[in-house]
Amino acid sequence: MSITAAMVKELRDKTNAGMMDCKKALTEANGDMAKAVDWLRQKGLAVAAKRAGRDVSEGQIMTYIHGGGKLGVMIEVNCETDFTAKTDEFMTFAKDLAMQVAAANPICVNAEELSEDVIAREKEIYRAQALEQGKPEKIVEKIIEGKMKKFVSEVCLMDQAFVKDNDVTISDLVNEMRAKTGENVQIRRFVRFQLGEKK
């Protein structure tokens, strides 16, 4: 199938990828637009994964206030260059992350930050629940494993479903931003304040 300039332009408009990458993606996908988008995303995510180890010393500290001043979030999102940090796209990305923290109330950035105490306590609760329901001992571990996966996806920011699009995780969003900017992008830390809430 011949790849037309109009097809390349359409794919470029959809993905913001370079013209040559769009042409190659359409060629690889035999003109199938959806497959070409997937090909570009996979290529971008593979490159993004390589960038994840690079040093990040620039970025934004973004704030978000909700509910007439009753809920506030401050989040630090890092990248490699001041140029990227000042783009509208990066600032919108950081704002979306602050809104995510406000809406979904994570307790940490990623699973590695979960304390051993929290993990042990959750496992103990799930074990007690399973035994209380009369589940056989041999499947209790599987039940605990499944419930821990769900727990991590609810309390770790990187594993949460994005509130604006539940088909995408925050980890996916970060990888997409790495692919778009060509830089390592990381969520360093956040704090969430709710009026009257005790920590």
Protein backbone atom coordinates (compact mmCIF):
# COMPACT_ATOMS: atom_id res chain seq x y z
CA MET A 1 0.00 0.00 0.00
CA SER A 2 1.34 3.44 -0.87
CA ILE A 3 1.68 5.89 2.03
CA THR A 4 0.40 9.35 1.07
CA ALA A 5 1.52 12.70 2.46
CA ALA A 6 -2.02 13.21 3.80
CA MET A 7 -1.75 9.96 5.81
CA VAL A 8 1.61 11.03 7.23
CA LYS A 9 0.18 14.44 8.17
CA GLU A 10 -2.86 12.85 9.86
CA LEU A 11 -0.62 10.57 11.94
CA ARG A 12 1.68 13.47 12.81
CA ASP A 13 -1.32 15.55 13.97
CA LYS A 14 -2.50 12.67 16.14
CA THR A 15 0.85 11.84 17.74
CA ASN A 16 3.21 14.86 17.41
CA ALA A 17 5.85 12.39 16.16
CA GLY A 18 8.40 13.40 13.48
CA MET A 19 7.46 13.12 9.79
CA MET A 20 9.99 10.35 9.08
CA ASP A 21 8.86 8.38 12.14
CA CYS A 22 5.22 8.73 10.99
CA LYS A 23 6.08 7.51 7.51
CA LYS A 24 8.02 4.54 8.90
CA ALA A 25 5.19 3.69 11.31
CA LEU A 26 2.61 3.73 8.49
CA THR A 27 4.88 1.59 6.32
CA GLU A 28 5.39 -0.92 9.18
CA ALA A 29 1.61 -0.95 9.82
CA ASN A 30 0.77 -1.32 6.11
CA GLY A 31 -1.22 1.93 6.16
CA ASP A 32 -3.31 0.99 9.21
CA MET A 33 -3.60 4.25 11.23
CA ALA A 34 -4.39 2.58 14.60
CA LYS A 35 -1.49 0.13 14.26
CA ALA A 36 0.82 2.99 13.25
CA VAL A 37 -0.15 4.91 16.42
CA ASP A 38 0.59 1.79 18.51
CA TRP A 39 3.94 1.32 16.74
CA LEU A 40 4.93 4.92 17.52
CA ARG A 41 3.83 4.59 21.15
CA GLN A 42 5.83 1.37 21.61
CA LYS A 43 8.89 2.97 20.02
CA GLY A 44 8.48 6.07 22.19
CA LEU A 45 7.98 4.06 25.38
CA ALA A 46 11.06 1.92 24.67
CA VAL A 47 13.15 5.08 24.25
CA ALA A 48 11.48 6.60 27.33
CA ALA A 49 12.50 3.60 29.44
CA LYS A 50 16.15 4.18 28.46
CA ARG A 51 15.88 7.81 29.56
CA ALA A 52 14.57 6.89 33.02
CA GLY A 53 18.08 6.66 34.45
CA ARG A 54 19.26 10.13 33.41
CA ASP A 55 19.74 12.92 35.94
CA VAL A 56 16.86 15.33 36.48
CA SER A 57 17.54 18.69 38.13
CA GLU A 58 14.96 20.98 36.48
CA GLY A 59 11.17 20.94 36.55
CA GLN A 60 8.16 22.50 38.22
CA ILE A 61 6.67 22.69 41.67
CA MET A 62 2.98 22.87 40.87
CA THR A 63 0.13 23.67 43.22
CA TYR A 64 -3.55 22.91 42.93
CA ILE A 65 -6.28 24.26 45.23
CA HIS A 66 -9.74 22.69 45.19
CA GLY A 67 -13.09 23.07 46.89
CA GLY A 68 -12.88 26.76 47.72
CA GLY A 69 -9.56 26.42 49.52
CA LYS A 70 -10.46 23.27 51.49
CA LEU A 71 -8.03 20.95 49.67
CA GLY A 72 -4.55 21.74 48.38
CA VAL A 73 -1.74 19.83 46.68
CA MET A 74 1.89 20.70 46.02
CA ILE A 75 3.86 18.39 43.71
CA GLU A 76 7.43 18.41 42.37
CA VAL A 77 7.83 17.07 38.82
CA ASN A 78 11.37 16.94 37.41
CA CYS A 79 12.89 16.94 33.93
CA GLU A 80 16.36 17.47 32.49
CA THR A 81 16.21 21.00 31.08
CA ASP A 82 14.80 24.37 32.04
CA PHE A 83 13.51 24.70 28.47
CA THR A 84 11.20 21.67 28.86
CA ALA A 85 10.14 22.71 32.37
CA LYS A 86 8.81 26.03 31.02
CA THR A 87 6.73 24.61 28.16
CA ASP A 88 2.94 24.83 28.40
CA GLU A 89 2.73 21.07 27.83
CA PHE A 90 4.99 20.26 30.79
CA MET A 91 3.15 22.69 33.05
CA THR A 92 -0.21 21.22 32.04
CA PHE A 93 1.20 17.76 32.76
CA ALA A 94 2.35 18.86 36.24
CA LYS A 95 -1.06 20.46 36.89
CA ASP A 96 -2.82 17.23 35.87
CA LEU A 97 -0.62 15.32 38.32
CA ALA A 98 -1.49 17.77 41.12
CA MET A 99 -5.19 17.32 40.32
CA GLN A 100 -4.69 13.53 40.36
CA VAL A 101 -3.24 13.72 43.89
CA ALA A 102 -6.17 15.90 45.00
CA ALA A 103 -8.77 13.53 43.54
CA ALA A 104 -7.24 10.09 44.16
CA ASN A 105 -5.37 10.73 47.45
CA PRO A 106 -2.30 8.48 46.95
CA ILE A 107 0.00 7.89 49.93
CA CYS A 108 3.29 7.61 47.98
CA VAL A 109 4.77 8.09 44.51
CA ASN A 110 5.54 4.41 43.81
CA ALA A 111 5.38 0.95 45.41
CA GLU A 112 9.06 1.09 46.47
CA GLU A 113 8.12 3.88 48.90
CA LEU A 114 5.53 1.75 50.75
CA SER A 115 6.87 0.96 54.21
CA GLU A 116 7.29 -2.65 55.36
CA ASP A 117 4.84 -1.89 58.19
CA VAL A 118 2.08 -0.83 55.77
CA ILE A 119 2.64 -3.88 53.56
CA ALA A 120 2.67 -6.27 56.54
CA ARG A 121 -0.48 -4.69 58.02
CA GLU A 122 -2.41 -4.94 54.73
CA LYS A 123 -1.34 -8.57 54.19
CA GLU A 124 -2.45 -9.44 57.73
CA ILE A 125 -5.88 -7.83 57.16
CA TYR A 126 -6.35 -9.72 53.86
CA ARG A 127 -5.22 -13.01 55.45
CA ALA A 128 -7.70 -12.59 58.32
CA GLN A 129 -10.52 -11.72 55.88
CA ALA A 130 -9.82 -14.78 53.70
CA LEU A 131 -9.66 -17.17 56.67
CA GLU A 132 -12.81 -15.59 58.15
CA GLN A 133 -14.60 -16.37 54.87
CA GLY A 134 -13.48 -20.00 55.19
CA LYS A 135 -11.11 -19.91 52.21
CA PRO A 136 -8.72 -22.90 52.06
CA GLU A 137 -5.19 -22.13 53.27
CA LYS A 138 -3.67 -23.08 49.89
CA ILE A 139 -5.48 -20.24 48.04
CA VAL A 140 -5.12 -17.63 50.79
CA GLU A 141 -1.68 -16.54 49.46
CA LYS A 142 -3.13 -16.04 45.96
CA ILE A 143 -5.99 -13.96 47.42
CA ILE A 144 -3.48 -11.82 49.38
CA GLU A 145 -1.37 -11.32 46.24
CA GLY A 146 -4.41 -10.16 44.23
CA LYS A 147 -5.60 -7.81 46.97
CA MET A 148 -2.10 -6.34 47.40
CA LYS A 149 -1.97 -5.60 43.66
CA LYS A 150 -5.28 -3.75 43.94
CA PHE A 151 -4.06 -1.91 47.08
CA VAL A 152 -0.88 -0.72 45.28
CA SER A 153 -2.96 0.49 42.30
CA GLU A 154 -5.09 2.56 44.69
CA VAL A 155 -2.43 4.12 46.96
CA CYS A 156 0.70 4.48 44.77
CA LEU A 157 0.48 7.49 42.43
CA MET A 158 2.42 5.84 39.55
CA ASP A 159 0.07 2.82 39.58
CA GLN A 160 -3.19 4.76 39.79
CA ALA A 161 -5.59 5.08 36.86
CA PHE A 162 -5.56 8.67 35.57
CA VAL A 163 -8.72 10.44 36.76
CA LYS A 164 -9.24 12.05 33.32
CA ASP A 165 -8.83 8.71 31.47
CA ASN A 166 -9.16 5.45 33.42
CA ASP A 167 -7.55 3.43 30.61
CA VAL A 168 -4.22 5.14 31.30
CA THR A 169 -2.06 4.90 34.44
CA ILE A 170 0.08 7.74 35.77
CA SER A 171 3.11 5.63 34.84
CA ASP A 172 1.85 5.62 31.22
CA LEU A 173 1.47 9.42 31.34
CA VAL A 174 5.03 9.86 32.63
CA ASN A 175 6.37 7.57 29.88
CA GLU A 176 4.43 9.49 27.24
CA MET A 177 5.90 12.76 28.52
CA ARG A 178 9.40 11.22 28.36
CA ALA A 179 8.73 10.18 24.76
CA LYS A 180 7.40 13.64 23.80
CA THR A 181 10.17 15.66 25.45
CA GLY A 182 13.09 13.33 24.81
CA GLU A 183 14.02 13.77 28.48
CA ASN A 184 13.84 11.81 31.69
CA VAL A 185 10.72 12.96 33.54
CA GLN A 186 10.05 11.98 37.16
CA ILE A 187 7.59 12.72 39.92
CA ARG A 188 9.84 13.51 42.88
CA ARG A 189 7.35 14.08 45.73
CA PHE A 190 4.02 15.54 46.70
CA VAL A 191 2.07 16.72 49.72
CA ARG A 192 -1.72 16.91 50.05
CA PHE A 193 -3.49 19.07 52.62
CA GLN A 194 -7.16 18.74 53.51
CA LEU A 195 -8.71 21.27 55.85
CA GLY A 196 -9.13 19.81 59.33
CA GLU A 197 -7.39 16.55 58.46
CA LYS A 198 -4.94 15.14 61.00
CA LYS A 199 -1.83 13.47 59.62
